[in-house]
N, C-alpha and C. Protein backbone atom coordinates (compact mmCIF):
# COMPACT_ATOMS: atom_id res chain seq x y z
N MET A 1 4.87 -71.51 -3.55
CA MET A 1 5.04 -70.32 -2.10
C MET A 1 5.71 -69.53 -2.11
N ILE A 2 5.74 -68.34 -1.49
CA ILE A 2 6.92 -67.58 -1.04
C ILE A 2 7.33 -68.05 0.36
N ASP A 3 8.55 -68.27 0.39
CA ASP A 3 8.95 -69.02 1.69
C ASP A 3 9.55 -67.52 2.81
N ILE A 4 9.56 -67.68 4.11
CA ILE A 4 9.64 -66.30 4.60
C ILE A 4 11.02 -65.55 4.00
N LYS A 5 12.25 -66.09 4.06
CA LYS A 5 13.55 -65.48 3.56
C LYS A 5 12.79 -64.43 2.41
N ASN A 6 12.20 -64.71 0.98
CA ASN A 6 11.85 -64.02 0.22
C ASN A 6 10.93 -63.50 0.55
N LYS A 7 10.01 -63.62 1.34
CA LYS A 7 8.88 -62.67 1.99
C LYS A 7 9.69 -61.25 2.64
N LYS A 8 10.79 -61.51 3.69
CA LYS A 8 10.68 -60.50 4.54
C LYS A 8 12.08 -59.69 3.11
N LEU A 9 12.82 -59.78 1.98
CA LEU A 9 13.07 -59.49 1.02
C LEU A 9 12.34 -58.40 0.27
N ILE A 10 11.12 -58.90 -0.07
CA ILE A 10 10.36 -58.18 -0.57
C ILE A 10 9.83 -56.99 0.40
N TYR A 11 9.98 -57.53 1.30
CA TYR A 11 9.04 -55.73 2.37
C TYR A 11 10.35 -55.04 2.63
N ILE A 12 11.44 -55.75 2.39
CA ILE A 12 12.66 -54.70 2.33
C ILE A 12 13.03 -54.07 1.16
N VAL A 13 12.61 -54.77 0.13
CA VAL A 13 13.07 -53.87 -1.29
C VAL A 13 12.17 -53.03 -1.30
N VAL A 14 10.58 -52.72 -1.07
CA VAL A 14 9.30 -52.23 -1.01
C VAL A 14 9.43 -51.17 -0.08
N ALA A 15 10.50 -51.22 1.42
CA ALA A 15 10.49 -50.49 1.92
C ALA A 15 11.36 -49.42 1.59
N VAL A 16 12.72 -50.09 0.90
CA VAL A 16 13.73 -48.93 0.19
C VAL A 16 13.12 -48.16 -0.72
N ILE A 17 12.20 -48.41 -1.42
CA ILE A 17 11.77 -47.92 -2.92
C ILE A 17 10.66 -46.73 -1.92
N ILE A 18 10.16 -46.95 -0.96
CA ILE A 18 9.47 -46.26 -0.45
C ILE A 18 10.23 -44.81 0.09
N LEU A 19 10.78 -45.23 0.95
CA LEU A 19 11.97 -44.22 1.68
C LEU A 19 12.64 -43.51 0.23
N CYS A 20 13.00 -44.25 -0.61
CA CYS A 20 13.57 -43.60 -1.72
C CYS A 20 12.73 -42.33 -2.33
N GLY A 21 11.51 -43.05 -2.60
CA GLY A 21 10.08 -41.59 -3.01
C GLY A 21 10.24 -40.24 -2.41
N LEU A 22 10.43 -40.96 -0.95
CA LEU A 22 9.88 -39.50 -0.11
C LEU A 22 11.00 -39.20 -0.24
N TYR A 23 12.06 -39.52 -0.22
CA TYR A 23 13.14 -38.73 -0.21
C TYR A 23 13.39 -37.93 -1.16
N PHE A 24 12.80 -38.45 -2.35
CA PHE A 24 12.95 -37.59 -3.65
C PHE A 24 11.47 -36.20 -3.83
N LEU A 25 11.23 -36.94 -2.83
CA LEU A 25 10.10 -36.17 -3.00
C LEU A 25 9.97 -34.79 -1.92
N ASP A 26 10.41 -35.27 -1.11
CA ASP A 26 10.85 -33.93 0.09
C ASP A 26 12.75 -33.05 -0.30
N PHE A 27 12.76 -33.59 -1.23
CA PHE A 27 14.24 -32.94 -2.37
C PHE A 27 13.37 -31.44 -3.54
N LYS A 28 12.47 -32.47 -3.82
CA LYS A 28 11.77 -31.33 -5.32
C LYS A 28 11.05 -30.11 -3.93
N ASN A 29 10.81 -30.76 -3.36
CA ASN A 29 9.66 -29.59 -2.51
C ASN A 29 10.19 -28.27 -1.97
N LYS A 30 12.01 -28.82 -1.49
CA LYS A 30 12.59 -28.05 -1.22
C LYS A 30 13.58 -27.09 -2.36
N ASP A 31 13.34 -27.87 -3.69
CA ASP A 31 13.92 -26.90 -4.63
C ASP A 31 12.64 -25.92 -5.30
N ASP A 32 11.50 -26.47 -4.60
CA ASP A 32 10.33 -24.88 -5.40
C ASP A 32 10.15 -24.23 -4.40
N GLU A 33 10.59 -24.22 -3.01
CA GLU A 33 10.56 -23.25 -2.13
C GLU A 33 11.64 -22.36 -2.41
N ASP A 34 12.71 -22.46 -3.13
CA ASP A 34 13.61 -22.08 -3.34
C ASP A 34 13.27 -21.23 -4.93
N ASP A 35 11.82 -21.03 -5.26
CA ASP A 35 11.98 -20.73 -6.61
C ASP A 35 11.46 -19.33 -7.13
N PHE A 36 10.77 -18.52 -5.45
CA PHE A 36 10.52 -17.00 -5.44
C PHE A 36 11.71 -16.73 -5.41
N ASN A 37 12.81 -16.50 -5.57
CA ASN A 37 14.18 -15.66 -5.84
C ASN A 37 13.89 -16.25 -7.20
N ILE A 38 14.11 -15.23 -8.30
CA ILE A 38 13.84 -14.64 -9.12
C ILE A 38 15.00 -14.28 -9.67
N THR A 39 15.81 -14.76 -10.64
CA THR A 39 17.11 -14.20 -10.95
C THR A 39 17.08 -13.16 -12.69
N THR A 40 17.83 -12.13 -12.98
CA THR A 40 17.11 -11.95 -14.21
C THR A 40 18.91 -12.14 -14.82
N SER A 41 19.13 -11.58 -16.00
CA SER A 41 20.16 -12.39 -16.81
C SER A 41 21.05 -11.81 -16.44
N SER A 42 21.37 -10.59 -15.60
CA SER A 42 22.48 -9.84 -14.58
C SER A 42 22.87 -10.57 -13.59
N SER A 43 21.79 -11.80 -13.09
CA SER A 43 21.72 -12.38 -11.82
C SER A 43 22.02 -11.97 -11.07
N GLN A 44 20.94 -10.44 -10.72
CA GLN A 44 20.57 -9.76 -9.69
C GLN A 44 18.94 -10.18 -9.13
N THR A 45 19.15 -10.82 -7.73
CA THR A 45 17.70 -11.47 -7.38
C THR A 45 16.75 -9.95 -7.30
N LEU A 46 15.59 -10.46 -7.74
CA LEU A 46 14.38 -10.03 -7.92
C LEU A 46 13.70 -9.64 -6.02
N GLU A 47 13.72 -8.80 -5.66
CA GLU A 47 13.00 -8.89 -4.53
C GLU A 47 11.72 -8.06 -4.18
N LYS A 48 10.88 -8.02 -3.37
CA LYS A 48 9.74 -7.35 -3.07
C LYS A 48 9.99 -6.34 -2.36
N ASN A 49 9.68 -5.12 -2.63
CA ASN A 49 9.83 -3.88 -1.95
C ASN A 49 8.19 -3.53 -1.10
N TYR A 50 8.58 -3.11 0.53
CA TYR A 50 7.83 -3.17 1.12
C TYR A 50 7.85 -1.48 1.56
N LEU A 51 6.72 -0.96 1.75
CA LEU A 51 6.48 0.73 2.40
C LEU A 51 5.69 0.60 3.64
N ASP A 52 5.99 1.69 4.23
CA ASP A 52 5.74 1.49 5.62
C ASP A 52 4.53 3.26 5.32
N ILE A 53 3.36 2.65 5.83
CA ILE A 53 2.50 3.60 6.24
C ILE A 53 1.74 3.45 7.01
N TYR A 54 1.28 4.90 7.49
CA TYR A 54 0.00 4.92 8.93
C TYR A 54 -1.33 5.14 8.46
N ILE A 55 -1.91 4.53 8.45
CA ILE A 55 -3.39 4.54 8.48
C ILE A 55 -4.37 5.44 9.57
N CYS A 56 -5.04 6.02 9.31
CA CYS A 56 -5.74 6.61 10.68
C CYS A 56 -7.37 7.15 10.33
N GLY A 57 -7.91 7.80 11.44
CA GLY A 57 -9.24 8.49 10.73
C GLY A 57 -10.49 7.35 11.10
N GLU A 58 -11.43 7.05 10.44
CA GLU A 58 -12.39 6.46 10.18
C GLU A 58 -12.22 5.00 9.18
N VAL A 59 -11.23 5.00 10.57
CA VAL A 59 -11.05 3.13 9.91
C VAL A 59 -11.28 2.17 11.28
N ASN A 60 -11.28 1.04 11.12
CA ASN A 60 -11.50 0.13 11.60
C ASN A 60 -10.49 -0.36 12.80
N ARG A 61 -9.21 -0.36 11.90
CA ARG A 61 -8.19 -0.63 13.02
C ARG A 61 -7.31 0.27 12.65
N PRO A 62 -6.54 1.49 13.48
CA PRO A 62 -5.88 2.64 12.84
C PRO A 62 -4.43 1.62 13.19
N GLY A 63 -3.09 2.56 12.42
CA GLY A 63 -2.06 1.91 13.09
C GLY A 63 -1.25 2.11 11.24
N CYS A 64 0.48 1.56 12.08
CA CYS A 64 1.26 1.39 11.04
C CYS A 64 1.21 0.06 10.46
N TYR A 65 1.36 -0.20 9.44
CA TYR A 65 1.67 -1.29 8.64
C TYR A 65 2.81 -1.02 7.18
N LEU A 66 3.53 -2.47 7.13
CA LEU A 66 3.97 -2.67 6.29
C LEU A 66 3.13 -3.27 5.10
N VAL A 67 2.96 -2.66 3.88
CA VAL A 67 2.41 -3.17 2.69
C VAL A 67 3.12 -3.07 1.41
N LEU A 68 2.70 -4.07 0.81
CA LEU A 68 3.92 -4.37 -1.01
C LEU A 68 3.63 -3.11 -1.46
N GLU A 69 4.55 -2.64 -2.16
CA GLU A 69 4.56 -1.80 -3.40
C GLU A 69 3.32 -1.70 -4.28
N GLY A 70 3.21 -1.03 -4.82
CA GLY A 70 1.83 -0.74 -5.66
C GLY A 70 0.54 -1.13 -5.18
N SER A 71 0.62 -1.69 -3.98
CA SER A 71 -0.85 -1.63 -3.36
C SER A 71 -1.87 -0.25 -3.29
N MET A 72 -2.72 -0.33 -3.95
CA MET A 72 -4.14 0.77 -3.58
C MET A 72 -4.08 1.05 -2.02
N ILE A 73 -4.55 2.29 -1.86
CA ILE A 73 -5.10 2.52 -0.78
C ILE A 73 -6.61 1.87 -0.51
N GLY A 74 -7.06 1.76 -1.44
CA GLY A 74 -8.13 0.74 -0.86
C GLY A 74 -8.14 -0.65 -0.35
N ASP A 75 -7.24 -1.54 -1.02
CA ASP A 75 -6.90 -2.93 -0.50
C ASP A 75 -6.26 -2.45 0.57
N VAL A 76 -5.18 -1.87 1.04
CA VAL A 76 -4.28 -1.81 2.56
C VAL A 76 -5.50 -0.92 3.23
N ILE A 77 -6.41 -0.97 3.34
CA ILE A 77 -7.31 -0.01 3.96
C ILE A 77 -8.20 -1.66 4.57
N ASN A 78 -8.38 -2.32 3.66
CA ASN A 78 -9.98 -3.09 3.75
C ASN A 78 -8.66 -4.56 4.58
N ASP A 79 -7.54 -4.71 3.84
CA ASP A 79 -6.65 -5.71 4.59
C ASP A 79 -6.21 -5.57 5.37
N CYS A 80 -5.58 -4.10 5.78
CA CYS A 80 -4.81 -4.16 6.92
C CYS A 80 -5.70 -3.12 7.91
N ALA A 81 -5.87 -2.46 7.72
CA ALA A 81 -7.09 -1.63 9.02
C ALA A 81 -8.33 -2.46 8.98
N LEU A 82 -9.13 -3.67 8.61
CA LEU A 82 -9.95 -3.92 8.62
C LEU A 82 -11.68 -2.93 8.13
N GLY A 83 -11.03 -2.45 7.09
CA GLY A 83 -12.10 -1.51 6.78
C GLY A 83 -12.54 -0.36 7.16
N PHE A 84 -13.24 0.53 6.47
CA PHE A 84 -14.03 1.73 7.25
C PHE A 84 -14.95 1.61 7.81
N THR A 85 -15.02 2.14 8.98
CA THR A 85 -16.07 2.52 9.94
C THR A 85 -17.15 3.41 9.10
N GLU A 86 -18.44 3.37 9.93
CA GLU A 86 -19.62 3.90 9.10
C GLU A 86 -19.76 5.05 8.77
N ASN A 87 -19.04 6.13 9.63
CA ASN A 87 -18.94 7.13 9.40
C ASN A 87 -17.71 7.57 7.99
N ALA A 88 -16.91 7.07 7.67
CA ALA A 88 -16.24 7.39 6.62
C ALA A 88 -16.52 8.42 5.54
N ASN A 89 -15.78 9.08 5.08
CA ASN A 89 -16.38 9.93 4.32
C ASN A 89 -15.35 9.24 3.03
N LEU A 90 -15.72 8.39 1.87
CA LEU A 90 -15.37 8.27 0.82
C LEU A 90 -14.89 8.84 -0.26
N LEU A 91 -15.56 9.63 -0.21
CA LEU A 91 -15.90 10.70 -1.39
C LEU A 91 -13.97 11.23 -1.41
N ALA A 92 -13.50 11.83 -0.09
CA ALA A 92 -12.37 12.55 0.19
C ALA A 92 -11.04 11.48 -0.12
N ILE A 93 -11.44 10.51 -0.83
CA ILE A 93 -10.28 9.90 -0.47
C ILE A 93 -9.96 9.20 -2.33
N ASN A 94 -9.09 8.82 -3.34
CA ASN A 94 -9.15 8.33 -4.31
C ASN A 94 -8.38 6.30 -4.11
N LEU A 95 -9.26 5.92 -3.75
CA LEU A 95 -9.18 4.01 -3.45
C LEU A 95 -8.44 3.75 -4.20
N VAL A 96 -8.15 4.22 -5.53
CA VAL A 96 -7.24 3.05 -6.31
C VAL A 96 -5.78 3.97 -6.51
N GLU A 97 -5.57 4.90 -5.43
CA GLU A 97 -3.93 5.16 -5.69
C GLU A 97 -3.33 4.89 -5.12
N GLU A 98 -1.80 4.18 -5.68
CA GLU A 98 -1.11 3.00 -5.19
C GLU A 98 -0.70 4.44 -3.77
N VAL A 99 -0.20 3.52 -2.91
CA VAL A 99 0.44 3.88 -1.09
C VAL A 99 2.06 4.29 -2.09
N TYR A 100 2.38 5.27 -1.05
CA TYR A 100 3.54 5.26 -1.44
C TYR A 100 4.58 5.43 -0.16
N ASP A 101 6.05 5.09 -0.04
CA ASP A 101 6.52 5.12 1.39
C ASP A 101 6.50 6.28 2.84
N LYS A 102 6.19 6.14 3.66
CA LYS A 102 5.63 6.81 4.86
C LYS A 102 4.62 7.97 4.33
N GLN A 103 3.79 7.06 4.00
CA GLN A 103 2.64 7.89 3.79
C GLN A 103 1.77 7.78 4.98
N GLN A 104 0.86 9.38 5.46
CA GLN A 104 -0.29 9.24 6.51
C GLN A 104 -0.93 9.00 5.52
N ILE A 105 -2.36 7.75 5.67
CA ILE A 105 -3.49 8.07 5.28
C ILE A 105 -4.46 8.29 6.02
N LEU A 106 -5.21 9.35 6.00
CA LEU A 106 -6.31 9.42 6.66
C LEU A 106 -7.76 10.10 6.44
N ILE A 107 -8.27 9.09 6.56
CA ILE A 107 -9.68 8.72 6.52
C ILE A 107 -10.99 9.92 7.06
N PRO A 108 -11.18 10.65 6.52
CA PRO A 108 -12.02 12.00 7.22
C PRO A 108 -13.17 11.43 7.77
N ASN A 109 -14.07 12.03 8.32
CA ASN A 109 -15.45 11.86 8.88
C ASN A 109 -16.24 12.28 7.88
N LYS A 110 -17.22 11.75 7.43
CA LYS A 110 -18.17 12.23 6.07
C LYS A 110 -18.63 13.34 7.19
N ILE A 111 -19.09 13.60 8.74
CA ILE A 111 -19.80 14.44 8.93
C ILE A 111 -18.79 15.99 9.37
N ASP A 112 -17.47 15.51 9.11
CA ASP A 112 -16.87 16.52 8.87
C ASP A 112 -16.75 17.98 8.32
N ASN A 113 -17.39 19.08 8.37
CA ASN A 113 -17.77 20.31 7.16
C ASN A 113 -16.89 20.47 6.56
N THR A 114 -15.23 20.41 7.01
CA THR A 114 -14.10 20.90 6.04
C THR A 114 -13.72 19.87 4.76
N LEU A 115 -14.32 18.56 5.22
CA LEU A 115 -14.16 17.66 3.85
C LEU A 115 -15.71 17.02 3.63
N LEU A 116 -16.81 17.71 3.72
CA LEU A 116 -17.92 17.12 3.47
C LEU A 116 -18.13 17.28 2.04
N SER A 117 -17.79 18.41 1.05
CA SER A 117 -17.69 17.52 -0.53
C SER A 117 -16.79 16.71 -0.60
N GLY A 118 -15.82 16.44 0.25
CA GLY A 118 -14.87 15.53 -0.87
C GLY A 118 -13.75 16.04 -1.00
N LYS A 119 -13.57 17.89 -1.35
CA LYS A 119 -12.60 18.27 -1.42
C LYS A 119 -12.35 19.59 -0.90
N LEU A 120 -11.15 20.00 -0.78
CA LEU A 120 -10.98 21.33 -0.05
C LEU A 120 -10.59 22.51 -0.99
N ASN A 121 -11.10 23.56 -0.68
CA ASN A 121 -10.69 24.90 -1.76
C ASN A 121 -9.59 25.46 -1.36
N LEU A 122 -8.82 25.52 -2.38
CA LEU A 122 -7.91 26.25 -2.34
C LEU A 122 -7.66 27.53 -1.98
N ASN A 123 -8.43 28.28 -2.00
CA ASN A 123 -8.89 29.79 -1.69
C ASN A 123 -9.29 29.89 -0.17
N THR A 124 -9.70 29.31 0.17
CA THR A 124 -10.50 28.82 1.45
C THR A 124 -10.17 28.29 3.02
N CYS A 125 -9.12 27.22 2.36
CA CYS A 125 -8.87 26.31 3.43
C CYS A 125 -7.72 26.83 4.10
N SER A 126 -7.67 26.25 5.31
CA SER A 126 -6.97 26.49 6.56
C SER A 126 -5.66 25.45 6.20
N LYS A 127 -4.63 26.12 7.15
CA LYS A 127 -3.56 25.50 7.22
C LYS A 127 -3.48 24.08 7.42
N ASP A 128 -4.34 23.87 8.80
CA ASP A 128 -4.65 22.62 9.54
C ASP A 128 -5.43 21.87 8.20
N GLU A 129 -6.02 22.47 7.49
CA GLU A 129 -6.59 21.41 6.60
C GLU A 129 -6.02 20.99 5.85
N LEU A 130 -4.92 21.89 5.05
CA LEU A 130 -3.91 21.55 4.02
C LEU A 130 -3.31 20.31 5.07
N MET A 131 -2.96 20.33 5.77
CA MET A 131 -1.54 19.52 6.24
C MET A 131 -2.55 18.26 6.96
N LEU A 132 -3.73 17.87 6.34
CA LEU A 132 -4.96 16.71 6.69
C LEU A 132 -4.37 15.92 5.26
N ILE A 133 -4.29 16.30 4.37
CA ILE A 133 -4.10 15.95 3.19
C ILE A 133 -2.47 15.06 2.95
N PRO A 134 -2.13 13.96 2.81
CA PRO A 134 -1.28 12.96 2.68
C PRO A 134 -0.58 13.75 1.83
N GLY A 135 0.94 13.98 2.32
CA GLY A 135 2.46 14.38 1.31
C GLY A 135 1.96 15.82 1.70
N ILE A 136 1.35 16.87 2.00
CA ILE A 136 1.44 18.15 2.63
C ILE A 136 1.74 18.32 3.94
N LYS A 137 3.09 18.61 4.20
CA LYS A 137 3.18 19.46 5.69
C LYS A 137 3.89 20.43 5.29
N GLU A 138 3.80 21.32 6.52
CA GLU A 138 3.83 22.63 7.18
C GLU A 138 4.67 23.35 6.07
N GLY A 139 5.42 23.06 5.64
CA GLY A 139 6.41 24.35 4.66
C GLY A 139 5.11 24.29 3.22
N LEU A 140 4.72 23.06 2.69
CA LEU A 140 4.55 23.43 1.48
C LEU A 140 3.14 23.96 2.10
N SER A 141 2.18 23.50 3.09
CA SER A 141 1.05 24.44 3.54
C SER A 141 1.31 25.69 3.45
N ASN A 142 2.31 26.59 3.95
CA ASN A 142 2.65 27.40 3.97
C ASN A 142 2.56 28.30 2.28
N ALA A 143 3.64 27.38 1.68
CA ALA A 143 3.78 27.76 0.48
C ALA A 143 2.37 28.07 -0.48
N ILE A 144 1.26 27.63 -0.02
CA ILE A 144 -0.12 27.53 -0.75
C ILE A 144 -0.69 28.68 0.00
N ILE A 145 -0.92 29.03 1.36
CA ILE A 145 -1.22 29.96 1.81
C ILE A 145 -0.74 31.54 1.17
N THR A 146 0.91 31.56 1.33
CA THR A 146 1.54 32.34 1.01
C THR A 146 0.98 33.09 -1.13
N TYR A 147 1.07 31.44 -2.05
CA TYR A 147 0.62 31.62 -2.98
C TYR A 147 -0.49 32.55 -3.65
N ARG A 148 -1.57 31.99 -2.14
CA ARG A 148 -3.06 32.11 -2.77
C ARG A 148 -3.29 33.64 -2.38
N SER A 149 -2.52 34.20 -1.07
CA SER A 149 -2.70 35.97 -0.59
C SER A 149 -2.24 36.65 -1.53
N LYS A 150 -1.15 35.97 -2.73
CA LYS A 150 -1.19 37.45 -3.40
C LYS A 150 -1.66 36.85 -4.96
N THR A 151 -2.43 35.91 -5.44
CA THR A 151 -3.38 35.24 -6.46
C THR A 151 -3.64 33.76 -6.12
N ARG A 152 -5.35 34.30 -6.35
CA ARG A 152 -6.56 33.36 -6.15
C ARG A 152 -5.96 32.45 -7.33
N PHE A 153 -5.99 31.20 -6.58
CA PHE A 153 -6.41 29.61 -7.35
C PHE A 153 -7.89 29.91 -8.62
N THR A 154 -7.35 29.73 -9.76
CA THR A 154 -8.36 29.68 -10.53
C THR A 154 -8.41 28.16 -10.85
N LYS A 155 -7.11 27.13 -10.98
CA LYS A 155 -7.72 25.87 -11.28
C LYS A 155 -6.90 25.12 -10.20
N VAL A 156 -7.01 23.65 -10.01
CA VAL A 156 -6.28 23.02 -9.78
C VAL A 156 -5.13 23.21 -10.05
N ASP A 157 -4.76 22.76 -11.19
CA ASP A 157 -3.38 22.72 -11.97
C ASP A 157 -2.49 24.18 -10.93
N ASP A 158 -2.64 24.87 -10.66
CA ASP A 158 -2.19 26.04 -10.61
C ASP A 158 -1.56 25.61 -9.13
N LEU A 159 -1.43 24.90 -8.40
CA LEU A 159 -1.03 24.10 -7.53
C LEU A 159 0.98 24.24 -8.11
N LEU A 160 0.85 23.70 -9.15
CA LEU A 160 2.28 23.82 -10.23
C LEU A 160 3.20 24.42 -10.10
N LYS A 161 2.11 25.86 -9.67
CA LYS A 161 3.49 27.10 -9.75
C LYS A 161 3.71 27.58 -8.33
N ILE A 162 3.54 26.48 -7.21
CA ILE A 162 4.10 27.01 -6.15
C ILE A 162 5.57 25.83 -6.18
N PRO A 163 6.60 26.68 -5.67
CA PRO A 163 7.94 25.94 -4.90
C PRO A 163 7.59 24.81 -4.44
N GLY A 164 8.25 23.65 -5.09
CA GLY A 164 8.32 22.13 -3.66
C GLY A 164 6.92 21.46 -4.10
N ILE A 165 6.25 21.85 -5.30
CA ILE A 165 5.16 20.93 -6.25
C ILE A 165 5.57 20.74 -7.55
N GLY A 166 6.14 19.38 -7.22
CA GLY A 166 6.12 19.03 -8.90
C GLY A 166 5.45 18.28 -9.15
N GLU A 167 5.15 17.42 -10.76
CA GLU A 167 4.32 16.40 -10.95
C GLU A 167 4.42 15.64 -10.37
N LYS A 168 5.31 14.61 -9.97
CA LYS A 168 4.91 14.09 -8.55
C LYS A 168 4.36 14.40 -7.90
N THR A 169 4.46 15.12 -6.82
CA THR A 169 4.31 15.62 -5.68
C THR A 169 2.16 15.99 -6.36
N PHE A 170 2.28 16.41 -7.14
CA PHE A 170 0.95 17.06 -7.89
C PHE A 170 -0.28 15.88 -8.00
N VAL A 171 0.14 14.82 -8.58
CA VAL A 171 -0.43 13.53 -9.15
C VAL A 171 -0.92 13.19 -7.99
N LYS A 172 0.07 12.93 -6.47
CA LYS A 172 -0.61 12.62 -5.26
C LYS A 172 -1.76 13.19 -4.78
N ILE A 173 -1.31 14.82 -4.88
CA ILE A 173 -2.52 15.67 -3.87
C ILE A 173 -3.69 16.44 -5.01
N LYS A 174 -3.26 16.42 -5.86
CA LYS A 174 -4.57 16.86 -6.73
C LYS A 174 -5.90 16.78 -7.16
N TYR A 175 -6.47 15.11 -6.40
CA TYR A 175 -7.54 14.91 -6.21
C TYR A 175 -8.06 15.54 -5.11
N TYR A 176 -7.39 16.04 -3.92
CA TYR A 176 -8.18 16.16 -2.98
C TYR A 176 -8.81 17.84 -2.75
N PHE A 177 -8.44 18.70 -4.13
CA PHE A 177 -8.67 20.33 -3.90
C PHE A 177 -9.64 20.51 -4.98
N THR A 178 -10.14 21.40 -5.02
CA THR A 178 -10.66 22.24 -5.70
C THR A 178 -10.89 24.11 -5.64
N ALA A 179 -10.84 24.75 -6.46
CA ALA A 179 -10.52 25.86 -6.40
C ALA A 179 -11.58 26.65 -6.26
């Protein structure tokens, strides 16, 4: 039979083994927490880039949000703004377009006559309507109106003829228009 001294010694050994096991498990978990910093061969740490965007219009919770680079408009509206209202005109936006930094995402009302078809006519839209399009500010709006006062738009690709609209801007705004 095991005497009391040996029994105490067994308890102490078991306790030490358990404590060592817990220590190594905790140490392992701390190592796992550091795994999100991925290093490249040049020893640079890769970090996730975040973008500031503003969502407004026919969404359940309009506001400014910080989102991951590469996020799509539809995803950020569902995740951040808690989805669309029942009056949202989903034909007016490209839900799979990637968001960009400092972007305003305006979800129009489907009753709004200016965007009822989902696209603005470049030859008839007003300056204010142009400025509703993400990426078009007053200067670009004026340039579009000046261009069309001299030459009618025959196709949306004519936007590339306007100073200030390069390929990158054109790709972001072309889906909003018809000629």
